[in-house]
Amino acid sequence: MEPEPPVMSEFSRRLLRQLAALLALAAAPALVSGALQLEWHRRESLDAGEIRAATARLWGEGVQWVDARPRRRFAQEHIAGAILLNEDEWGRLVAKFLDAWDPEKTIVVYCDGGGCEASKAVAERLRTELKLENPIYVLKGGWQAWKGE
């Protein structure tokens, strides 16, 4: 015959409930934070060939920046050292790009961000038409991500 479990006093039951409530309160921020991080990672996932501004910043001088935005946007402001090379002026600008091109650097192309597809188009032309063997990335979030980080 098995022994009967000990009887818990009302004080012990109350203490146990309070401890359980405290543990739940202590765990809540971690659970919420974890859920937010999962949501952030899902929203911010990278497509193939994309790179985040924070990573590109770490590479510093090893990056050749290519600005795929219209000339007037480039003239207003751009990443220091960036070369203008956009779809509209490809024929006029490609020679200047090639003069500045460094085969030792990683190329990162950016446009305005959001729904801007110009950087993807320019990156693809660098790969296919110019047959560059440098690693070529598109800046996730474009110019806005660069300014915001």
N, C-alpha and C. Protein backbone atom coordinates (compact mmCIF):
# COMPACT_ATOMS: atom_id res chain seq x y z
N MET A 1 0.84 -1.18 0.00
CA MET A 1 0.00 0.00 0.00
C MET A 1 0.89 1.25 0.00
N GLU A 2 0.56 2.19 -0.88
CA GLU A 2 1.34 3.41 -0.99
C GLU A 2 0.96 4.39 0.11
N PRO A 3 2.00 5.16 0.55
CA PRO A 3 1.66 6.14 1.58
C PRO A 3 0.86 7.29 0.99
N GLU A 4 0.01 7.87 1.79
CA GLU A 4 -0.80 9.01 1.34
C GLU A 4 0.09 10.25 1.27
N PRO A 5 -0.13 11.10 0.25
CA PRO A 5 0.67 12.32 0.17
C PRO A 5 0.41 13.20 1.39
N PRO A 6 1.46 13.95 1.78
CA PRO A 6 1.26 14.81 2.94
C PRO A 6 0.24 15.90 2.62
N VAL A 7 -0.50 16.31 3.60
CA VAL A 7 -1.51 17.35 3.43
C VAL A 7 -0.81 18.70 3.46
N MET A 8 -1.16 19.53 2.48
CA MET A 8 -0.55 20.85 2.38
C MET A 8 -1.41 21.85 3.15
N SER A 9 -0.77 22.66 3.94
CA SER A 9 -1.50 23.65 4.73
C SER A 9 -2.00 24.76 3.81
N GLU A 10 -2.96 25.51 4.27
CA GLU A 10 -3.49 26.64 3.50
C GLU A 10 -2.37 27.66 3.26
N PHE A 11 -1.54 27.87 4.26
CA PHE A 11 -0.40 28.79 4.12
C PHE A 11 0.53 28.33 2.98
N SER A 12 0.84 27.03 2.92
CA SER A 12 1.73 26.49 1.88
C SER A 12 1.11 26.64 0.50
N ARG A 13 -0.21 26.41 0.40
CA ARG A 13 -0.89 26.56 -0.89
C ARG A 13 -0.83 28.02 -1.36
N ARG A 14 -1.10 28.96 -0.45
CA ARG A 14 -1.04 30.37 -0.79
C ARG A 14 0.37 30.78 -1.22
N LEU A 15 1.35 30.31 -0.48
CA LEU A 15 2.74 30.62 -0.81
C LEU A 15 3.11 30.06 -2.18
N LEU A 16 2.67 28.86 -2.49
CA LEU A 16 2.93 28.24 -3.78
C LEU A 16 2.27 29.03 -4.91
N ARG A 17 1.04 29.51 -4.72
CA ARG A 17 0.36 30.31 -5.73
C ARG A 17 1.09 31.64 -5.96
N GLN A 18 1.54 32.25 -4.88
CA GLN A 18 2.28 33.51 -5.01
C GLN A 18 3.60 33.31 -5.76
N LEU A 19 4.29 32.23 -5.45
CA LEU A 19 5.54 31.92 -6.16
C LEU A 19 5.28 31.69 -7.64
N ALA A 20 4.22 30.98 -7.95
CA ALA A 20 3.88 30.71 -9.35
C ALA A 20 3.56 32.03 -10.07
N ALA A 21 2.84 32.93 -9.40
CA ALA A 21 2.51 34.22 -10.01
C ALA A 21 3.78 35.04 -10.24
N LEU A 22 4.69 35.05 -9.27
CA LEU A 22 5.94 35.78 -9.42
C LEU A 22 6.78 35.22 -10.56
N LEU A 23 6.85 33.90 -10.67
CA LEU A 23 7.59 33.28 -11.77
C LEU A 23 6.98 33.65 -13.11
N ALA A 24 5.66 33.67 -13.19
CA ALA A 24 5.00 34.04 -14.44
C ALA A 24 5.30 35.49 -14.80
N LEU A 25 5.27 36.39 -13.80
CA LEU A 25 5.59 37.80 -14.05
C LEU A 25 7.04 37.97 -14.48
N ALA A 26 7.93 37.21 -13.87
CA ALA A 26 9.35 37.31 -14.22
C ALA A 26 9.61 36.79 -15.62
N ALA A 27 8.87 35.78 -16.04
CA ALA A 27 9.09 35.18 -17.36
C ALA A 27 8.43 35.97 -18.48
N ALA A 28 7.42 36.78 -18.17
CA ALA A 28 6.67 37.49 -19.21
C ALA A 28 7.55 38.36 -20.10
N PRO A 29 8.43 39.22 -19.56
CA PRO A 29 9.25 40.04 -20.46
C PRO A 29 10.12 39.22 -21.42
N ALA A 30 10.67 38.13 -20.92
CA ALA A 30 11.49 37.28 -21.79
C ALA A 30 10.65 36.65 -22.89
N LEU A 31 9.45 36.23 -22.56
CA LEU A 31 8.58 35.63 -23.58
C LEU A 31 8.17 36.67 -24.62
N VAL A 32 7.81 37.86 -24.16
CA VAL A 32 7.42 38.92 -25.10
C VAL A 32 8.62 39.32 -25.96
N SER A 33 9.77 39.48 -25.34
CA SER A 33 10.98 39.84 -26.08
C SER A 33 11.30 38.78 -27.13
N GLY A 34 11.21 37.53 -26.76
CA GLY A 34 11.48 36.44 -27.71
C GLY A 34 10.51 36.47 -28.87
N ALA A 35 9.24 36.73 -28.58
CA ALA A 35 8.24 36.79 -29.66
C ALA A 35 8.53 37.97 -30.58
N LEU A 36 8.93 39.12 -30.01
CA LEU A 36 9.26 40.28 -30.84
C LEU A 36 10.49 40.01 -31.69
N GLN A 37 11.49 39.34 -31.12
CA GLN A 37 12.68 39.03 -31.90
C GLN A 37 12.35 38.10 -33.05
N LEU A 38 11.50 37.11 -32.81
CA LEU A 38 11.11 36.21 -33.89
C LEU A 38 10.40 36.98 -34.98
N GLU A 39 9.50 37.90 -34.61
CA GLU A 39 8.80 38.72 -35.60
C GLU A 39 9.79 39.59 -36.36
N TRP A 40 10.75 40.21 -35.67
CA TRP A 40 11.74 41.07 -36.30
C TRP A 40 12.57 40.27 -37.30
N HIS A 41 13.01 39.08 -36.90
CA HIS A 41 13.81 38.27 -37.81
C HIS A 41 13.02 37.86 -39.05
N ARG A 42 11.73 37.56 -38.86
CA ARG A 42 10.92 37.17 -40.00
C ARG A 42 10.76 38.36 -40.96
N ARG A 43 10.53 39.55 -40.42
CA ARG A 43 10.35 40.74 -41.24
C ARG A 43 11.65 41.14 -41.93
N GLU A 44 12.76 40.94 -41.28
CA GLU A 44 14.03 41.44 -41.78
C GLU A 44 14.89 40.37 -42.46
N SER A 45 14.31 39.27 -42.85
CA SER A 45 15.13 38.24 -43.48
C SER A 45 15.70 38.75 -44.80
N LEU A 46 16.86 38.25 -45.14
CA LEU A 46 17.54 38.68 -46.36
C LEU A 46 17.19 37.76 -47.51
N ASP A 47 17.01 38.35 -48.68
CA ASP A 47 16.89 37.56 -49.90
C ASP A 47 18.30 37.22 -50.37
N ALA A 48 18.41 36.29 -51.27
CA ALA A 48 19.72 35.93 -51.81
C ALA A 48 20.37 37.17 -52.41
N GLY A 49 21.63 37.38 -52.10
CA GLY A 49 22.37 38.50 -52.66
C GLY A 49 22.18 39.81 -51.93
N GLU A 50 21.45 39.81 -50.82
CA GLU A 50 21.25 41.03 -50.05
C GLU A 50 22.19 41.07 -48.85
N ILE A 51 22.45 42.28 -48.38
CA ILE A 51 23.29 42.48 -47.21
C ILE A 51 22.70 43.62 -46.38
N ARG A 52 22.87 43.55 -45.08
CA ARG A 52 22.41 44.62 -44.20
C ARG A 52 23.45 45.72 -44.12
N ALA A 53 22.99 46.94 -43.85
CA ALA A 53 23.89 48.09 -43.73
C ALA A 53 24.92 47.87 -42.63
N ALA A 54 24.51 47.28 -41.52
CA ALA A 54 25.44 47.06 -40.40
C ALA A 54 26.61 46.18 -40.83
N THR A 55 26.33 45.16 -41.62
CA THR A 55 27.39 44.27 -42.08
C THR A 55 28.31 45.00 -43.05
N ALA A 56 27.74 45.73 -43.98
CA ALA A 56 28.55 46.48 -44.95
C ALA A 56 29.43 47.51 -44.25
N ARG A 57 28.92 48.13 -43.19
CA ARG A 57 29.71 49.09 -42.43
C ARG A 57 30.94 48.41 -41.82
N LEU A 58 30.77 47.20 -41.37
CA LEU A 58 31.89 46.46 -40.78
C LEU A 58 33.00 46.21 -41.80
N TRP A 59 32.63 46.08 -43.06
CA TRP A 59 33.62 45.81 -44.10
C TRP A 59 34.42 47.06 -44.47
N GLY A 60 33.89 48.23 -44.10
CA GLY A 60 34.61 49.49 -44.28
C GLY A 60 35.17 49.72 -45.67
N GLU A 61 36.48 49.87 -45.75
CA GLU A 61 37.17 50.20 -47.00
C GLU A 61 37.14 49.06 -48.02
N GLY A 62 36.68 47.89 -47.62
CA GLY A 62 36.63 46.76 -48.53
C GLY A 62 35.41 46.75 -49.44
N VAL A 63 34.59 47.82 -49.35
CA VAL A 63 33.35 47.89 -50.13
C VAL A 63 33.48 48.95 -51.22
N GLN A 64 33.06 48.59 -52.43
CA GLN A 64 32.90 49.55 -53.52
C GLN A 64 31.40 49.82 -53.62
N TRP A 65 30.97 51.02 -53.23
CA TRP A 65 29.56 51.38 -53.24
C TRP A 65 29.13 51.83 -54.63
N VAL A 66 27.97 51.34 -55.04
CA VAL A 66 27.38 51.74 -56.32
C VAL A 66 25.98 52.27 -56.03
N ASP A 67 25.75 53.52 -56.40
CA ASP A 67 24.46 54.18 -56.19
C ASP A 67 23.64 54.05 -57.46
N ALA A 68 22.54 53.32 -57.37
CA ALA A 68 21.69 53.06 -58.54
C ALA A 68 20.51 54.02 -58.62
N ARG A 69 20.53 55.06 -57.83
CA ARG A 69 19.44 56.04 -57.84
C ARG A 69 19.62 57.04 -58.98
N PRO A 70 18.60 57.83 -59.26
CA PRO A 70 18.73 58.86 -60.29
C PRO A 70 19.82 59.88 -59.91
N ARG A 71 20.38 60.52 -60.91
CA ARG A 71 21.48 61.46 -60.72
C ARG A 71 21.16 62.56 -59.69
N ARG A 72 19.95 63.12 -59.75
CA ARG A 72 19.62 64.21 -58.84
C ARG A 72 19.62 63.74 -57.38
N ARG A 73 19.20 62.50 -57.14
CA ARG A 73 19.22 61.95 -55.77
C ARG A 73 20.66 61.74 -55.31
N PHE A 74 21.49 61.25 -56.21
CA PHE A 74 22.91 61.06 -55.92
C PHE A 74 23.56 62.40 -55.60
N ALA A 75 23.22 63.44 -56.37
CA ALA A 75 23.82 64.76 -56.17
C ALA A 75 23.41 65.35 -54.82
N GLN A 76 22.21 65.03 -54.35
CA GLN A 76 21.76 65.56 -53.06
C GLN A 76 22.58 64.98 -51.92
N GLU A 77 22.75 63.67 -51.92
CA GLU A 77 23.55 62.99 -50.91
C GLU A 77 23.72 61.53 -51.32
N HIS A 78 24.83 60.97 -50.88
CA HIS A 78 25.12 59.56 -51.19
C HIS A 78 26.16 59.04 -50.20
N ILE A 79 26.37 57.75 -50.21
CA ILE A 79 27.39 57.15 -49.35
C ILE A 79 28.75 57.62 -49.84
N ALA A 80 29.60 58.02 -48.92
CA ALA A 80 30.93 58.52 -49.27
C ALA A 80 31.68 57.49 -50.13
N GLY A 81 32.20 57.97 -51.25
CA GLY A 81 32.96 57.11 -52.15
C GLY A 81 32.11 56.34 -53.15
N ALA A 82 30.79 56.48 -53.08
CA ALA A 82 29.90 55.75 -54.00
C ALA A 82 30.07 56.26 -55.43
N ILE A 83 29.87 55.35 -56.35
CA ILE A 83 29.91 55.66 -57.78
C ILE A 83 28.48 55.61 -58.31
N LEU A 84 28.09 56.62 -59.06
CA LEU A 84 26.77 56.63 -59.66
C LEU A 84 26.76 55.68 -60.85
N LEU A 85 25.83 54.75 -60.84
CA LEU A 85 25.63 53.83 -61.96
C LEU A 85 24.17 53.37 -61.91
N ASN A 86 23.35 53.99 -62.75
CA ASN A 86 21.93 53.65 -62.73
C ASN A 86 21.48 53.12 -64.10
N GLU A 87 20.30 52.60 -64.13
CA GLU A 87 19.75 52.01 -65.35
C GLU A 87 19.55 53.05 -66.45
N ASP A 88 19.03 54.23 -66.08
CA ASP A 88 18.73 55.26 -67.07
C ASP A 88 19.96 55.77 -67.80
N GLU A 89 21.09 55.81 -67.12
CA GLU A 89 22.32 56.35 -67.72
C GLU A 89 23.42 55.30 -67.84
N TRP A 90 23.05 54.07 -67.88
CA TRP A 90 24.03 52.96 -67.89
C TRP A 90 25.13 53.20 -68.93
N GLY A 91 24.76 53.46 -70.16
CA GLY A 91 25.73 53.64 -71.25
C GLY A 91 26.74 54.75 -71.00
N ARG A 92 26.28 55.84 -70.39
CA ARG A 92 27.18 56.97 -70.10
C ARG A 92 28.01 56.76 -68.85
N LEU A 93 27.49 55.99 -67.88
CA LEU A 93 28.14 55.89 -66.57
C LEU A 93 29.03 54.67 -66.40
N VAL A 94 28.83 53.64 -67.23
CA VAL A 94 29.55 52.39 -67.00
C VAL A 94 31.06 52.57 -67.15
N ALA A 95 31.52 53.41 -68.06
CA ALA A 95 32.97 53.63 -68.23
C ALA A 95 33.58 54.25 -66.98
N LYS A 96 32.87 55.21 -66.39
CA LYS A 96 33.36 55.84 -65.16
C LYS A 96 33.42 54.81 -64.03
N PHE A 97 32.41 53.95 -63.97
CA PHE A 97 32.42 52.89 -62.97
C PHE A 97 33.64 51.99 -63.17
N LEU A 98 33.88 51.56 -64.40
CA LEU A 98 35.00 50.66 -64.67
C LEU A 98 36.35 51.30 -64.35
N ASP A 99 36.46 52.61 -64.56
CA ASP A 99 37.69 53.31 -64.19
C ASP A 99 37.95 53.25 -62.69
N ALA A 100 36.88 53.30 -61.90
CA ALA A 100 37.01 53.30 -60.44
C ALA A 100 36.96 51.89 -59.85
N TRP A 101 36.56 50.93 -60.62
CA TRP A 101 36.35 49.56 -60.14
C TRP A 101 37.63 48.96 -59.58
N ASP A 102 37.49 48.30 -58.44
CA ASP A 102 38.60 47.61 -57.78
C ASP A 102 38.22 46.14 -57.66
N PRO A 103 38.92 45.25 -58.37
CA PRO A 103 38.56 43.83 -58.33
C PRO A 103 38.75 43.19 -56.95
N GLU A 104 39.42 43.89 -56.04
CA GLU A 104 39.64 43.36 -54.69
C GLU A 104 38.51 43.70 -53.73
N LYS A 105 37.61 44.58 -54.15
CA LYS A 105 36.54 45.03 -53.25
C LYS A 105 35.23 44.30 -53.53
N THR A 106 34.43 44.20 -52.49
CA THR A 106 33.07 43.70 -52.59
C THR A 106 32.18 44.85 -53.05
N ILE A 107 31.34 44.60 -54.03
CA ILE A 107 30.45 45.64 -54.55
C ILE A 107 29.11 45.55 -53.83
N VAL A 108 28.67 46.71 -53.34
CA VAL A 108 27.34 46.81 -52.73
C VAL A 108 26.57 47.90 -53.47
N VAL A 109 25.45 47.51 -54.05
CA VAL A 109 24.62 48.41 -54.84
C VAL A 109 23.41 48.81 -53.99
N TYR A 110 23.06 50.07 -54.04
CA TYR A 110 21.89 50.53 -53.29
C TYR A 110 21.05 51.49 -54.13
N CYS A 111 19.77 51.55 -53.77
CA CYS A 111 18.87 52.54 -54.36
C CYS A 111 18.11 53.17 -53.19
N ASP A 112 16.89 53.63 -53.40
CA ASP A 112 16.19 54.33 -52.33
C ASP A 112 15.65 53.41 -51.24
N GLY A 113 15.51 52.13 -51.52
CA GLY A 113 14.98 51.22 -50.52
C GLY A 113 13.50 50.97 -50.74
N GLY A 114 12.90 50.26 -49.81
CA GLY A 114 11.48 49.92 -49.94
C GLY A 114 11.24 49.08 -51.18
N GLY A 115 10.41 49.57 -52.08
CA GLY A 115 10.09 48.83 -53.29
C GLY A 115 11.05 49.10 -54.44
N CYS A 116 12.14 49.78 -54.19
CA CYS A 116 13.09 50.13 -55.25
C CYS A 116 13.78 48.88 -55.79
N GLU A 117 13.65 48.64 -57.06
CA GLU A 117 14.28 47.48 -57.70
C GLU A 117 15.51 47.85 -58.51
N ALA A 118 15.85 49.14 -58.55
CA ALA A 118 16.96 49.60 -59.36
C ALA A 118 18.28 48.95 -58.96
N SER A 119 18.50 48.78 -57.66
CA SER A 119 19.76 48.19 -57.20
C SER A 119 19.88 46.74 -57.65
N LYS A 120 18.78 46.02 -57.64
CA LYS A 120 18.81 44.62 -58.10
C LYS A 120 19.12 44.55 -59.59
N ALA A 121 18.53 45.46 -60.36
CA ALA A 121 18.75 45.48 -61.81
C ALA A 121 20.21 45.82 -62.12
N VAL A 122 20.77 46.82 -61.43
CA VAL A 122 22.16 47.20 -61.67
C VAL A 122 23.10 46.08 -61.24
N ALA A 123 22.84 45.47 -60.09
CA ALA A 123 23.67 44.35 -59.62
C ALA A 123 23.67 43.21 -60.64
N GLU A 124 22.50 42.93 -61.19
CA GLU A 124 22.40 41.86 -62.19
C GLU A 124 23.19 42.21 -63.45
N ARG A 125 23.12 43.44 -63.88
CA ARG A 125 23.88 43.86 -65.08
C ARG A 125 25.39 43.79 -64.83
N LEU A 126 25.81 44.12 -63.62
CA LEU A 126 27.24 44.01 -63.29
C LEU A 126 27.70 42.56 -63.41
N ARG A 127 26.84 41.65 -62.97
CA ARG A 127 27.18 40.22 -63.04
C ARG A 127 27.15 39.69 -64.47
N THR A 128 26.08 40.01 -65.19
CA THR A 128 25.87 39.38 -66.49
C THR A 128 26.55 40.10 -67.65
N GLU A 129 26.42 41.43 -67.71
CA GLU A 129 26.99 42.17 -68.83
C GLU A 129 28.48 42.43 -68.66
N LEU A 130 28.88 42.80 -67.45
CA LEU A 130 30.30 43.11 -67.23
C LEU A 130 31.09 41.89 -66.75
N LYS A 131 30.37 40.84 -66.39
CA LYS A 131 30.98 39.58 -65.96
C LYS A 131 31.97 39.78 -64.81
N LEU A 132 31.62 40.67 -63.89
CA LEU A 132 32.50 40.92 -62.74
C LEU A 132 32.48 39.72 -61.81
N GLU A 133 33.62 39.39 -61.29
CA GLU A 133 33.72 38.25 -60.39
C GLU A 133 33.75 38.67 -58.93
N ASN A 134 33.74 39.97 -58.68
CA ASN A 134 33.66 40.45 -57.30
C ASN A 134 32.37 39.92 -56.68
N PRO A 135 32.36 39.71 -55.36
CA PRO A 135 31.06 39.49 -54.73
C PRO A 135 30.22 40.76 -54.91
N ILE A 136 28.97 40.60 -55.30
CA ILE A 136 28.08 41.74 -55.54
C ILE A 136 26.82 41.55 -54.70
N TYR A 137 26.54 42.54 -53.86
CA TYR A 137 25.38 42.50 -52.99
C TYR A 137 24.49 43.70 -53.25
N VAL A 138 23.24 43.57 -52.81
CA VAL A 138 22.28 44.66 -52.82
C VAL A 138 22.03 45.03 -51.36
N LEU A 139 22.06 46.31 -51.06
CA LEU A 139 21.85 46.77 -49.69
C LEU A 139 20.38 46.66 -49.32
N LYS A 140 20.08 45.82 -48.34
CA LYS A 140 18.71 45.63 -47.86
C LYS A 140 18.19 46.96 -47.31
N GLY A 141 17.09 47.45 -47.85
CA GLY A 141 16.50 48.70 -47.39
C GLY A 141 17.11 49.94 -48.02
N GLY A 142 18.16 49.76 -48.83
CA GLY A 142 18.75 50.84 -49.59
C GLY A 142 19.22 52.03 -48.78
N TRP A 143 19.15 53.19 -49.41
CA TRP A 143 19.63 54.44 -48.82
C TRP A 143 18.98 54.70 -47.47
N GLN A 144 17.69 54.41 -47.36
CA GLN A 144 16.99 54.65 -46.10
C GLN A 144 17.56 53.80 -44.98
N ALA A 145 17.91 52.56 -45.27
CA ALA A 145 18.51 51.69 -44.24
C ALA A 145 19.90 52.23 -43.85
N TRP A 146 20.64 52.74 -44.84
CA TRP A 146 21.97 53.27 -44.55
C TRP A 146 21.87 54.48 -43.61
N LYS A 147 20.92 55.37 -43.90
CA LYS A 147 20.77 56.56 -43.08
C LYS A 147 20.20 56.23 -41.71
N GLY A 148 19.37 55.20 -41.64
CA GLY A 148 18.70 54.88 -40.40
C GLY A 148 19.50 54.07 -39.41
N GLU A 149 20.57 53.47 -39.84
CA GLU A 149 21.35 52.63 -38.92
C GLU A 149 22.47 53.39 -38.29
